[in-house]
Amino acid sequence: MSDLIYKIISAAEWREAETAGVFKGAGIDIADGYIHFSTATQAAETAAKHFAGQDGLVLVAVDPAPLGADIKWEVSRGGALFPHLYRPLTMAEVAWVKPLPLSPTGQHIFPV
């Protein structure tokens, strides 16, 4: 993983976004008013904290540079800066989407 930012979401929710042509956020995103993302170093902890044991997830990768001023780096968990997108994400802005399967021990297996 690189300087991309990542969204963890259920495959079903992502299929709905693909059909709509835009991702407006999961329930927590809509409630908070922005789409939560994680950096490469934050993604595994995000998965463990918010998606523990959940199967059927995907990892959505986005280059934050073209998002301009709509992406804000804000203090969150443990005082770390997390990327938050203050508008819907278009499918054209997505670098890639890959499955985020569970290992036999219940840990998410991140793509390399």
PDB file of N, CA and C in Angstrom:
ATOM      1  N   MET A   1       0.857  -1.184   0.000  1.00  0.00           N
ATOM      2  CA  MET A   1       0.000   0.000   0.000  1.00  0.00           C
ATOM      3  C   MET A   1       0.900   1.243   0.000  1.00  0.00           C
ATOM      4  N   SER A   2       0.352   2.352  -0.423  1.00  0.00           N
ATOM      5  CA  SER A   2       1.178   3.536  -0.656  1.00  0.00           C
ATOM      6  C   SER A   2       0.552   4.770  -0.027  1.00  0.00           C
ATOM      7  N   ASP A   3       0.595   5.884  -0.757  1.00  0.00           N
ATOM      8  CA  ASP A   3       0.014   7.125  -0.265  1.00  0.00           C
ATOM      9  C   ASP A   3      -1.484   7.185  -0.507  1.00  0.00           C
ATOM     10  N   LEU A   4      -2.042   6.087  -0.960  1.00  0.00           N
ATOM     11  CA  LEU A   4      -3.484   6.032  -1.134  1.00  0.00           C
ATOM     12  C   LEU A   4      -4.158   6.054   0.233  1.00  0.00           C
ATOM     13  N   ILE A   5      -5.429   6.413   0.243  1.00  0.00           N
ATOM     14  CA  ILE A   5      -6.236   6.302   1.456  1.00  0.00           C
ATOM     15  C   ILE A   5      -7.288   5.225   1.209  1.00  0.00           C
ATOM     16  N   TYR A   6      -7.832   4.686   2.292  1.00  0.00           N
ATOM     17  CA  TYR A   6      -8.649   3.482   2.183  1.00  0.00           C
ATOM     18  C   TYR A   6      -9.964   3.602   2.938  1.00  0.00           C
ATOM     19  N   LYS A   7     -10.987   3.009   2.328  1.00  0.00           N
ATOM     20  CA  LYS A   7     -12.311   2.891   2.943  1.00  0.00           C
ATOM     21  C   LYS A   7     -12.631   1.406   3.036  1.00  0.00           C
ATOM     22  N   ILE A   8     -13.020   0.971   4.214  1.00  0.00           N
ATOM     23  CA  ILE A   8     -13.469  -0.405   4.420  1.00  0.00           C
ATOM     24  C   ILE A   8     -14.988  -0.373   4.460  1.00  0.00           C
ATOM     25  N   ILE A   9     -15.599  -1.227   3.649  1.00  0.00           N
ATOM     26  CA  ILE A   9     -17.058  -1.218   3.545  1.00  0.00           C
ATOM     27  C   ILE A   9     -17.526  -2.609   3.114  1.00  0.00           C
ATOM     28  N   SER A  10     -18.773  -2.898   3.389  1.00  0.00           N
ATOM     29  CA  SER A  10     -19.300  -4.196   2.951  1.00  0.00           C
ATOM     30  C   SER A  10     -19.379  -4.225   1.434  1.00  0.00           C
ATOM     31  N   ALA A  11     -19.154  -5.393   0.888  1.00  0.00           N
ATOM     32  CA  ALA A  11     -19.226  -5.555  -0.561  1.00  0.00           C
ATOM     33  C   ALA A  11     -20.612  -5.182  -1.076  1.00  0.00           C
ATOM     34  N   ALA A  12     -21.642  -5.491  -0.327  1.00  0.00           N
ATOM     35  CA  ALA A  12     -23.013  -5.167  -0.742  1.00  0.00           C
ATOM     36  C   ALA A  12     -23.218  -3.654  -0.819  1.00  0.00           C
ATOM     37  N   GLU A  13     -22.740  -2.924   0.197  1.00  0.00           N
ATOM     38  CA  GLU A  13     -22.863  -1.461   0.168  1.00  0.00           C
ATOM     39  C   GLU A  13     -22.080  -0.877  -1.003  1.00  0.00           C
ATOM     40  N   TRP A  14     -20.910  -1.465  -1.282  1.00  0.00           N
ATOM     41  CA  TRP A  14     -20.106  -0.947  -2.377  1.00  0.00           C
ATOM     42  C   TRP A  14     -20.779  -1.207  -3.723  1.00  0.00           C
ATOM     43  N   ARG A  15     -21.394  -2.356  -3.883  1.00  0.00           N
ATOM     44  CA  ARG A  15     -22.124  -2.641  -5.138  1.00  0.00           C
ATOM     45  C   ARG A  15     -23.237  -1.609  -5.346  1.00  0.00           C
ATOM     46  N   GLU A  16     -23.922  -1.238  -4.274  1.00  0.00           N
ATOM     47  CA  GLU A  16     -24.963  -0.198  -4.379  1.00  0.00           C
ATOM     48  C   GLU A  16     -24.364   1.121  -4.859  1.00  0.00           C
ATOM     49  N   ALA A  17     -23.192   1.479  -4.320  1.00  0.00           N
ATOM     50  CA  ALA A  17     -22.524   2.718  -4.730  1.00  0.00           C
ATOM     51  C   ALA A  17     -22.121   2.649  -6.195  1.00  0.00           C
ATOM     52  N   GLU A  18     -21.598   1.503  -6.623  1.00  0.00           N
ATOM     53  CA  GLU A  18     -21.219   1.346  -8.029  1.00  0.00           C
ATOM     54  C   GLU A  18     -22.427   1.496  -8.945  1.00  0.00           C
ATOM     55  N   THR A  19     -23.540   0.928  -8.539  1.00  0.00           N
ATOM     56  CA  THR A  19     -24.768   1.045  -9.327  1.00  0.00           C
ATOM     57  C   THR A  19     -25.217   2.499  -9.413  1.00  0.00           C
ATOM     58  N   ALA A  20     -25.097   3.225  -8.300  1.00  0.00           N
ATOM     59  CA  ALA A  20     -25.491   4.634  -8.258  1.00  0.00           C
ATOM     60  C   ALA A  20     -24.470   5.538  -8.934  1.00  0.00           C
ATOM     61  N   GLY A  21     -23.229   5.052  -9.072  1.00  0.00           N
ATOM     62  CA  GLY A  21     -22.179   5.862  -9.674  1.00  0.00           C
ATOM     63  C   GLY A  21     -21.490   6.796  -8.701  1.00  0.00           C
ATOM     64  N   VAL A  22     -21.892   6.728  -7.433  1.00  0.00           N
ATOM     65  CA  VAL A  22     -21.328   7.605  -6.413  1.00  0.00           C
ATOM     66  C   VAL A  22     -21.488   6.943  -5.049  1.00  0.00           C
ATOM     67  N   PHE A  23     -20.507   7.176  -4.173  1.00  0.00           N
ATOM     68  CA  PHE A  23     -20.571   6.666  -2.807  1.00  0.00           C
ATOM     69  C   PHE A  23     -20.803   7.850  -1.875  1.00  0.00           C
ATOM     70  N   LYS A  24     -21.960   7.847  -1.241  1.00  0.00           N
ATOM     71  CA  LYS A  24     -22.306   8.949  -0.345  1.00  0.00           C
ATOM     72  C   LYS A  24     -21.926   8.668   1.100  1.00  0.00           C
ATOM     73  N   GLY A  25     -21.460   7.439   1.360  1.00  0.00           N
ATOM     74  CA  GLY A  25     -21.020   7.083   2.698  1.00  0.00           C
ATOM     75  C   GLY A  25     -21.866   5.986   3.301  1.00  0.00           C
ATOM     76  N   ALA A  26     -21.260   5.293   4.253  1.00  0.00           N
ATOM     77  CA  ALA A  26     -21.980   4.306   5.058  1.00  0.00           C
ATOM     78  C   ALA A  26     -22.741   5.060   6.149  1.00  0.00           C
ATOM     79  N   GLY A  27     -23.488   4.338   6.949  1.00  0.00           N
ATOM     80  CA  GLY A  27     -24.297   4.976   7.991  1.00  0.00           C
ATOM     81  C   GLY A  27     -23.515   5.915   8.889  1.00  0.00           C
ATOM     82  N   ILE A  28     -22.347   5.470   9.365  1.00  0.00           N
ATOM     83  CA  ILE A  28     -21.519   6.311  10.244  1.00  0.00           C
ATOM     84  C   ILE A  28     -21.044   7.558   9.521  1.00  0.00           C
ATOM     85  N   ASP A  29     -20.730   7.431   8.228  1.00  0.00           N
ATOM     86  CA  ASP A  29     -20.274   8.586   7.453  1.00  0.00           C
ATOM     87  C   ASP A  29     -21.387   9.624   7.330  1.00  0.00           C
ATOM     88  N   ILE A  30     -22.552   9.137   6.992  1.00  0.00           N
ATOM     89  CA  ILE A  30     -23.698  10.042   6.817  1.00  0.00           C
ATOM     90  C   ILE A  30     -24.016  10.738   8.132  1.00  0.00           C
ATOM     91  N   ALA A  31     -23.975  10.002   9.230  1.00  0.00           N
ATOM     92  CA  ALA A  31     -24.245  10.589  10.548  1.00  0.00           C
ATOM     93  C   ALA A  31     -23.203  11.651  10.917  1.00  0.00           C
ATOM     94  N   ASP A  32     -21.938  11.397  10.560  1.00  0.00           N
ATOM     95  CA  ASP A  32     -20.864  12.330  10.925  1.00  0.00           C
ATOM     96  C   ASP A  32     -20.693  13.474   9.934  1.00  0.00           C
ATOM     97  N   GLY A  33     -21.258  13.347   8.741  1.00  0.00           N
ATOM     98  CA  GLY A  33     -21.184  14.425   7.761  1.00  0.00           C
ATOM     99  C   GLY A  33     -19.967  14.370   6.853  1.00  0.00           C
ATOM    100  N   TYR A  34     -19.254  13.262   6.869  1.00  0.00           N
ATOM    101  CA  TYR A  34     -18.100  13.077   5.992  1.00  0.00           C
ATOM    102  C   TYR A  34     -17.812  11.590   5.863  1.00  0.00           C
ATOM    103  N   ILE A  35     -17.047  11.236   4.827  1.00  0.00           N
ATOM    104  CA  ILE A  35     -16.678   9.843   4.613  1.00  0.00           C
ATOM    105  C   ILE A  35     -15.358   9.581   5.321  1.00  0.00           C
ATOM    106  N   HIS A  36     -15.363   8.608   6.218  1.00  0.00           N
ATOM    107  CA  HIS A  36     -14.166   8.221   6.963  1.00  0.00           C
ATOM    108  C   HIS A  36     -13.237   7.398   6.082  1.00  0.00           C
ATOM    109  N   PHE A  37     -11.965   7.763   6.057  1.00  0.00           N
ATOM    110  CA  PHE A  37     -10.928   6.989   5.396  1.00  0.00           C
ATOM    111  C   PHE A  37      -9.820   6.710   6.397  1.00  0.00           C
ATOM    112  N   SER A  38      -8.934   5.795   6.033  1.00  0.00           N
ATOM    113  CA  SER A  38      -7.737   5.500   6.818  1.00  0.00           C
ATOM    114  C   SER A  38      -6.533   5.514   5.898  1.00  0.00           C
ATOM    115  N   THR A  39      -5.368   5.787   6.473  1.00  0.00           N
ATOM    116  CA  THR A  39      -4.125   5.651   5.714  1.00  0.00           C
ATOM    117  C   THR A  39      -3.744   4.179   5.702  1.00  0.00           C
ATOM    118  N   ALA A  40      -2.701   3.850   4.953  1.00  0.00           N
ATOM    119  CA  ALA A  40      -2.234   2.468   4.903  1.00  0.00           C
ATOM    120  C   ALA A  40      -1.846   1.972   6.292  1.00  0.00           C
ATOM    121  N   THR A  41      -1.228   2.812   7.087  1.00  0.00           N
ATOM    122  CA  THR A  41      -0.795   2.391   8.424  1.00  0.00           C
ATOM    123  C   THR A  41      -1.959   2.313   9.408  1.00  0.00           C
ATOM    124  N   GLN A  42      -3.069   2.961   9.122  1.00  0.00           N
ATOM    125  CA  GLN A  42      -4.229   2.965  10.019  1.00  0.00           C
ATOM    126  C   GLN A  42      -5.265   1.911   9.664  1.00  0.00           C
ATOM    127  N   ALA A  43      -5.235   1.392   8.452  1.00  0.00           N
ATOM    128  CA  ALA A  43      -6.319   0.541   7.948  1.00  0.00           C
ATOM    129  C   ALA A  43      -6.509  -0.743   8.754  1.00  0.00           C
ATOM    130  N   ALA A  44      -5.426  -1.415   9.121  1.00  0.00           N
ATOM    131  CA  ALA A  44      -5.558  -2.672   9.871  1.00  0.00           C
ATOM    132  C   ALA A  44      -6.196  -2.430  11.238  1.00  0.00           C
ATOM    133  N   GLU A  45      -5.807  -1.348  11.903  1.00  0.00           N
ATOM    134  CA  GLU A  45      -6.401  -1.030  13.205  1.00  0.00           C
ATOM    135  C   GLU A  45      -7.879  -0.656  13.046  1.00  0.00           C
ATOM    136  N   THR A  46      -8.197   0.064  11.991  1.00  0.00           N
ATOM    137  CA  THR A  46      -9.592   0.410  11.714  1.00  0.00           C
ATOM    138  C   THR A  46     -10.415  -0.858  11.505  1.00  0.00           C
ATOM    139  N   ALA A  47      -9.870  -1.796  10.744  1.00  0.00           N
ATOM    140  CA  ALA A  47     -10.576  -3.058  10.501  1.00  0.00           C
ATOM    141  C   ALA A  47     -10.801  -3.809  11.808  1.00  0.00           C
ATOM    142  N   ALA A  48      -9.772  -3.884  12.638  1.00  0.00           N
ATOM    143  CA  ALA A  48      -9.881  -4.611  13.907  1.00  0.00           C
ATOM    144  C   ALA A  48     -10.856  -3.935  14.865  1.00  0.00           C
ATOM    145  N   LYS A  49     -10.851  -2.620  14.877  1.00  0.00           N
ATOM    146  CA  LYS A  49     -11.699  -1.877  15.833  1.00  0.00           C
ATOM    147  C   LYS A  49     -13.162  -1.825  15.402  1.00  0.00           C
ATOM    148  N   HIS A  50     -13.402  -1.601  14.130  1.00  0.00           N
ATOM    149  CA  HIS A  50     -14.769  -1.350  13.663  1.00  0.00           C
ATOM    150  C   HIS A  50     -15.392  -2.489  12.857  1.00  0.00           C
ATOM    151  N   PHE A  51     -14.584  -3.450  12.419  1.00  0.00           N
ATOM    152  CA  PHE A  51     -15.090  -4.515  11.553  1.00  0.00           C
ATOM    153  C   PHE A  51     -14.627  -5.897  12.016  1.00  0.00           C
ATOM    154  N   ALA A  52     -14.314  -6.044  13.286  1.00  0.00           N
ATOM    155  CA  ALA A  52     -13.781  -7.297  13.816  1.00  0.00           C
ATOM    156  C   ALA A  52     -14.686  -8.476  13.458  1.00  0.00           C
ATOM    157  N   GLY A  53     -14.101  -9.498  12.840  1.00  0.00           N
ATOM    158  CA  GLY A  53     -14.818 -10.717  12.514  1.00  0.00           C
ATOM    159  C   GLY A  53     -15.798 -10.616  11.371  1.00  0.00           C
ATOM    160  N   GLN A  54     -15.918  -9.445  10.746  1.00  0.00           N
ATOM    161  CA  GLN A  54     -16.878  -9.281   9.647  1.00  0.00           C
ATOM    162  C   GLN A  54     -16.277  -9.766   8.336  1.00  0.00           C
ATOM    163  N   ASP A  55     -17.016 -10.607   7.673  1.00  0.00           N
ATOM    164  CA  ASP A  55     -16.628 -11.096   6.354  1.00  0.00           C
ATOM    165  C   ASP A  55     -17.418 -10.314   5.304  1.00  0.00           C
ATOM    166  N   GLY A  56     -17.076 -10.494   4.050  1.00  0.00           N
ATOM    167  CA  GLY A  56     -17.822  -9.835   2.973  1.00  0.00           C
ATOM    168  C   GLY A  56     -17.504  -8.360   2.846  1.00  0.00           C
ATOM    169  N   LEU A  57     -16.274  -7.985   3.197  1.00  0.00           N
ATOM    170  CA  LEU A  57     -15.861  -6.581   3.105  1.00  0.00           C
ATOM    171  C   LEU A  57     -14.969  -6.370   1.895  1.00  0.00           C
ATOM    172  N   VAL A  58     -14.876  -5.123   1.470  1.00  0.00           N
ATOM    173  CA  VAL A  58     -13.920  -4.733   0.440  1.00  0.00           C
ATOM    174  C   VAL A  58     -13.101  -3.562   0.955  1.00  0.00           C
ATOM    175  N   LEU A  59     -11.921  -3.420   0.359  1.00  0.00           N
ATOM    176  CA  LEU A  59     -11.040  -2.300   0.643  1.00  0.00           C
ATOM    177  C   LEU A  59     -11.028  -1.417  -0.596  1.00  0.00           C
ATOM    178  N   VAL A  60     -11.449  -0.180  -0.427  1.00  0.00           N
ATOM    179  CA  VAL A  60     -11.531   0.773  -1.530  1.00  0.00           C
ATOM    180  C   VAL A  60     -10.348   1.730  -1.400  1.00  0.00           C
ATOM    181  N   ALA A  61      -9.544   1.835  -2.462  1.00  0.00           N
ATOM    182  CA  ALA A  61      -8.364   2.695  -2.454  1.00  0.00           C
ATOM    183  C   ALA A  61      -8.616   3.948  -3.282  1.00  0.00           C
ATOM    184  N   VAL A  62      -8.179   5.088  -2.735  1.00  0.00           N
ATOM    185  CA  VAL A  62      -8.395   6.383  -3.381  1.00  0.00           C
ATOM    186  C   VAL A  62      -7.117   7.215  -3.255  1.00  0.00           C
ATOM    187  N   ASP A  63      -6.743   7.890  -4.330  1.00  0.00           N
ATOM    188  CA  ASP A  63      -5.639   8.846  -4.278  1.00  0.00           C
ATOM    189  C   ASP A  63      -6.222  10.152  -3.728  1.00  0.00           C
ATOM    190  N   PRO A  64      -5.726  10.632  -2.578  1.00  0.00           N
ATOM    191  CA  PRO A  64      -6.311  11.828  -1.996  1.00  0.00           C
ATOM    192  C   PRO A  64      -5.965  13.123  -2.732  1.00  0.00           C
ATOM    193  N   ALA A  65      -4.889  13.143  -3.501  1.00  0.00           N
ATOM    194  CA  ALA A  65      -4.434  14.390  -4.135  1.00  0.00           C
ATOM    195  C   ALA A  65      -5.510  15.061  -4.992  1.00  0.00           C
ATOM    196  N   PRO A  66      -6.190  14.331  -5.887  1.00  0.00           N
ATOM    197  CA  PRO A  66      -7.203  14.990  -6.722  1.00  0.00           C
ATOM    198  C   PRO A  66      -8.455  15.448  -5.964  1.00  0.00           C
ATOM    199  N   LEU A  67      -8.602  15.019  -4.723  1.00  0.00           N
ATOM    200  CA  LEU A  67      -9.787  15.402  -3.951  1.00  0.00           C
ATOM    201  C   LEU A  67      -9.702  16.837  -3.449  1.00  0.00           C
ATOM    202  N   GLY A  68      -8.513  17.409  -3.510  1.00  0.00           N
ATOM    203  CA  GLY A  68      -8.319  18.816  -3.178  1.00  0.00           C
ATOM    204  C   GLY A  68      -8.760  19.177  -1.774  1.00  0.00           C
ATOM    205  N   ALA A  69      -9.414  20.323  -1.677  1.00  0.00           N
ATOM    206  CA  ALA A  69      -9.824  20.863  -0.378  1.00  0.00           C
ATOM    207  C   ALA A  69     -10.966  20.078   0.261  1.00  0.00           C
ATOM    208  N   ASP A  70     -11.581  19.157  -0.489  1.00  0.00           N
ATOM    209  CA  ASP A  70     -12.682  18.375   0.072  1.00  0.00           C
ATOM    210  C   ASP A  70     -12.196  17.294   1.030  1.00  0.00           C
ATOM    211  N   ILE A  71     -10.885  16.989   0.998  1.00  0.00           N
ATOM    212  CA  ILE A  71     -10.325  16.022   1.942  1.00  0.00           C
ATOM    213  C   ILE A  71      -9.638  16.817   3.050  1.00  0.00           C
ATOM    214  N   LYS A  72     -10.000  16.499   4.280  1.00  0.00           N
ATOM    215  CA  LYS A  72      -9.410  17.189   5.435  1.00  0.00           C
ATOM    216  C   LYS A  72      -8.777  16.141   6.342  1.00  0.00           C
ATOM    217  N   TRP A  73      -7.601  16.443   6.835  1.00  0.00           N
ATOM    218  CA  TRP A  73      -6.877  15.552   7.744  1.00  0.00           C
ATOM    219  C   TRP A  73      -7.166  16.038   9.148  1.00  0.00           C
ATOM    220  N   GLU A  74      -7.916  15.240   9.894  1.00  0.00           N
ATOM    221  CA  GLU A  74      -8.391  15.675  11.205  1.00  0.00           C
ATOM    222  C   GLU A  74      -8.002  14.684  12.298  1.00  0.00           C
ATOM    223  N   VAL A  75      -7.793  15.222  13.491  1.00  0.00           N
ATOM    224  CA  VAL A  75      -7.417  14.400  14.638  1.00  0.00           C
ATOM    225  C   VAL A  75      -8.558  13.466  14.997  1.00  0.00           C
ATOM    226  N   SER A  76      -8.218  12.212  15.183  1.00  0.00           N
ATOM    227  CA  SER A  76      -9.201  11.196  15.557  1.00  0.00           C
ATOM    228  C   SER A  76      -8.548  10.244  16.536  1.00  0.00           C
ATOM    229  N   ARG A  77      -8.779   8.962  16.365  1.00  0.00           N
ATOM    230  CA  ARG A  77      -8.312   7.913  17.266  1.00  0.00           C
ATOM    231  C   ARG A  77      -6.850   8.096  17.676  1.00  0.00           C
ATOM    232  N   GLY A  78      -6.616   8.183  18.963  1.00  0.00           N
ATOM    233  CA  GLY A  78      -5.257   8.270  19.487  1.00  0.00           C
ATOM    234  C   GLY A  78      -4.514   9.537  19.105  1.00  0.00           C
ATOM    235  N   GLY A  79      -5.225  10.553  18.687  1.00  0.00           N
ATOM    236  CA  GLY A  79      -4.599  11.803  18.299  1.00  0.00           C
ATOM    237  C   GLY A  79      -4.020  11.804  16.892  1.00  0.00           C
ATOM    238  N   ALA A  80      -4.185  10.699  16.165  1.00  0.00           N
ATOM    239  CA  ALA A  80      -3.652  10.605  14.797  1.00  0.00           C
ATOM    240  C   ALA A  80      -4.529  11.381  13.821  1.00  0.00           C
ATOM    241  N   LEU A  81      -3.925  11.840  12.745  1.00  0.00           N
ATOM    242  CA  LEU A  81      -4.671  12.517  11.685  1.00  0.00           C
ATOM    243  C   LEU A  81      -5.263  11.483  10.737  1.00  0.00           C
ATOM    244  N   PHE A  82      -6.566  11.582  10.535  1.00  0.00           N
ATOM    245  CA  PHE A  82      -7.275  10.687   9.624  1.00  0.00           C
ATOM    246  C   PHE A  82      -7.870  11.509   8.485  1.00  0.00           C
ATOM    247  N   PRO A  83      -7.893  10.950   7.273  1.00  0.00           N
ATOM    248  CA  PRO A  83      -8.494  11.653   6.143  1.00  0.00           C
ATOM    249  C   PRO A  83     -10.018  11.514   6.150  1.00  0.00           C
ATOM    250  N   HIS A  84     -10.685  12.651   6.001  1.00  0.00           N
ATOM    251  CA  HIS A  84     -12.150  12.700   5.956  1.00  0.00           C
ATOM    252  C   HIS A  84     -12.559  13.443   4.692  1.00  0.00           C
ATOM    253  N   LEU A  85     -13.445  12.855   3.921  1.00  0.00           N
ATOM    254  CA  LEU A  85     -13.912  13.459   2.671  1.00  0.00           C
ATOM    255  C   LEU A  85     -15.279  14.093   2.901  1.00  0.00           C
ATOM    256  N   TYR A  86     -15.365  15.397   2.637  1.00  0.00           N
ATOM    257  CA  TYR A  86     -16.583  16.160   2.890  1.00  0.00           C
ATOM    258  C   TYR A  86     -17.434  16.337   1.636  1.00  0.00           C
ATOM    259  N   ARG A  87     -17.613  15.259   0.920  1.00  0.00           N
ATOM    260  CA  ARG A  87     -18.520  15.222  -0.232  1.00  0.00           C
ATOM    261  C   ARG A  87     -18.590  13.778  -0.697  1.00  0.00           C
ATOM    262  N   PRO A  88     -19.546  13.444  -1.567  1.00  0.00           N
ATOM    263  CA  PRO A  88     -19.600  12.085  -2.109  1.00  0.00           C
ATOM    264  C   PRO A  88     -18.346  11.768  -2.934  1.00  0.00           C
ATOM    265  N   LEU A  89     -18.052  10.490  -3.017  1.00  0.00           N
ATOM    266  CA  LEU A  89     -16.922   9.984  -3.791  1.00  0.00           C
ATOM    267  C   LEU A  89     -17.456   9.430  -5.101  1.00  0.00           C
ATOM    268  N   THR A  90     -16.903   9.883  -6.220  1.00  0.00           N
ATOM    269  CA  THR A  90     -17.335   9.351  -7.510  1.00  0.00           C
ATOM    270  C   THR A  90     -16.538   8.095  -7.830  1.00  0.00           C
ATOM    271  N   MET A  91     -17.081   7.252  -8.662  1.00  0.00           N
ATOM    272  CA  MET A  91     -16.393   6.016  -9.049  1.00  0.00           C
ATOM    273  C   MET A  91     -15.110   6.320  -9.826  1.00  0.00           C
ATOM    274  N   ALA A  92     -15.074   7.435 -10.550  1.00  0.00           N
ATOM    275  CA  ALA A  92     -13.877   7.814 -11.307  1.00  0.00           C
ATOM    276  C   ALA A  92     -12.702   8.133 -10.379  1.00  0.00           C
ATOM    277  N   GLU A  93     -12.979   8.455  -9.122  1.00  0.00           N
ATOM    278  CA  GLU A  93     -11.925   8.795  -8.158  1.00  0.00           C
ATOM    279  C   GLU A  93     -11.351   7.568  -7.444  1.00  0.00           C
ATOM    280  N   VAL A  94     -11.906   6.408  -7.701  1.00  0.00           N
ATOM    281  CA  VAL A  94     -11.470   5.180  -7.039  1.00  0.00           C
ATOM    282  C   VAL A  94     -10.310   4.557  -7.814  1.00  0.00           C
ATOM    283  N   ALA A  95      -9.198   4.311  -7.116  1.00  0.00           N
ATOM    284  CA  ALA A  95      -8.029   3.688  -7.750  1.00  0.00           C
ATOM    285  C   ALA A  95      -8.263   2.200  -7.961  1.00  0.00           C
ATOM    286  N   TRP A  96      -8.775   1.519  -6.931  1.00  0.00           N
ATOM    287  CA  TRP A  96      -9.091   0.096  -7.030  1.00  0.00           C
ATOM    288  C   TRP A  96      -9.944  -0.335  -5.849  1.00  0.00           C
ATOM    289  N   VAL A  97     -10.565  -1.493  -6.018  1.00  0.00           N
ATOM    290  CA  VAL A  97     -11.372  -2.124  -4.968  1.00  0.00           C
ATOM    291  C   VAL A  97     -10.966  -3.584  -4.921  1.00  0.00           C
ATOM    292  N   LYS A  98     -10.624  -4.075  -3.719  1.00  0.00           N
ATOM    293  CA  LYS A  98     -10.202  -5.468  -3.571  1.00  0.00           C
ATOM    294  C   LYS A  98     -10.917  -6.092  -2.376  1.00  0.00           C
ATOM    295  N   PRO A  99     -11.136  -7.396  -2.427  1.00  0.00           N
ATOM    296  CA  PRO A  99     -11.751  -8.080  -1.280  1.00  0.00           C
ATOM    297  C   PRO A  99     -10.870  -7.954  -0.041  1.00  0.00           C
ATOM    298  N   LEU A 100     -11.516  -7.959   1.119  1.00  0.00           N
ATOM    299  CA  LEU A 100     -10.823  -7.918   2.409  1.00  0.00           C
ATOM    300  C   LEU A 100     -11.276  -9.141   3.213  1.00  0.00           C
ATOM    301  N   PRO A 101     -10.744 -10.311   2.828  1.00  0.00           N
ATOM    302  CA  PRO A 101     -11.211 -11.555   3.454  1.00  0.00           C
ATOM    303  C   PRO A 101     -10.675 -11.730   4.878  1.00  0.00           C
ATOM    304  N   LEU A 102     -11.267 -12.682   5.555  1.00  0.00           N
ATOM    305  CA  LEU A 102     -10.821 -13.044   6.904  1.00  0.00           C
ATOM    306  C   LEU A 102      -9.886 -14.242   6.831  1.00  0.00           C
ATOM    307  N   SER A 103      -8.876 -14.230   7.676  1.00  0.00           N
ATOM    308  CA  SER A 103      -7.991 -15.396   7.811  1.00  0.00           C
ATOM    309  C   SER A 103      -8.706 -16.424   8.667  1.00  0.00           C
ATOM    310  N   PRO A 104      -8.179 -17.650   8.760  1.00  0.00           N
ATOM    311  CA  PRO A 104      -8.789 -18.658   9.624  1.00  0.00           C
ATOM    312  C   PRO A 104      -8.847 -18.228  11.095  1.00  0.00           C
ATOM    313  N   THR A 105      -7.971 -17.294  11.484  1.00  0.00           N
ATOM    314  CA  THR A 105      -7.978 -16.814  12.868  1.00  0.00           C
ATOM    315  C   THR A 105      -8.868 -15.581  13.061  1.00  0.00           C
ATOM    316  N   GLY A 106      -9.552 -15.145  11.994  1.00  0.00           N
ATOM    317  CA  GLY A 106     -10.479 -14.035  12.117  1.00  0.00           C
ATOM    318  C   GLY A 106      -9.891 -12.665  11.879  1.00  0.00           C
ATOM    319  N   GLN A 107      -8.637 -12.587  11.447  1.00  0.00           N
ATOM    320  CA  GLN A 107      -7.995 -11.303  11.120  1.00  0.00           C
ATOM    321  C   GLN A 107      -8.245 -10.994   9.640  1.00  0.00           C
ATOM    322  N   HIS A 108      -8.393  -9.728   9.302  1.00  0.00           N
ATOM    323  CA  HIS A 108      -8.548  -9.356   7.903  1.00  0.00           C
ATOM    324  C   HIS A 108      -7.206  -9.479   7.184  1.00  0.00           C
ATOM    325  N   ILE A 109      -7.262  -9.983   5.968  1.00  0.00           N
ATOM    326  CA  ILE A 109      -6.073 -10.148   5.141  1.00  0.00           C
ATOM    327  C   ILE A 109      -6.047  -9.010   4.125  1.00  0.00           C
ATOM    328  N   PHE A 110      -5.087  -8.101   4.304  1.00  0.00           N
ATOM    329  CA  PHE A 110      -5.001  -6.940   3.430  1.00  0.00           C
ATOM    330  C   PHE A 110      -4.212  -7.270   2.171  1.00  0.00           C
ATOM    331  N   PRO A 111      -4.636  -6.741   1.024  1.00  0.00           N
ATOM    332  CA  PRO A 111      -3.895  -6.966  -0.220  1.00  0.00           C
ATOM    333  C   PRO A 111      -2.523  -6.296  -0.150  1.00  0.00           C
ATOM    334  N   VAL A 112      -1.590  -6.877  -0.862  1.00  0.00           N
ATOM    335  CA  VAL A 112      -0.222  -6.298  -0.870  1.00  0.00           C
ATOM    336  C   VAL A 112       0.052  -5.588  -2.174  1.00  0.00           C
TER     337      VAL A 112
END
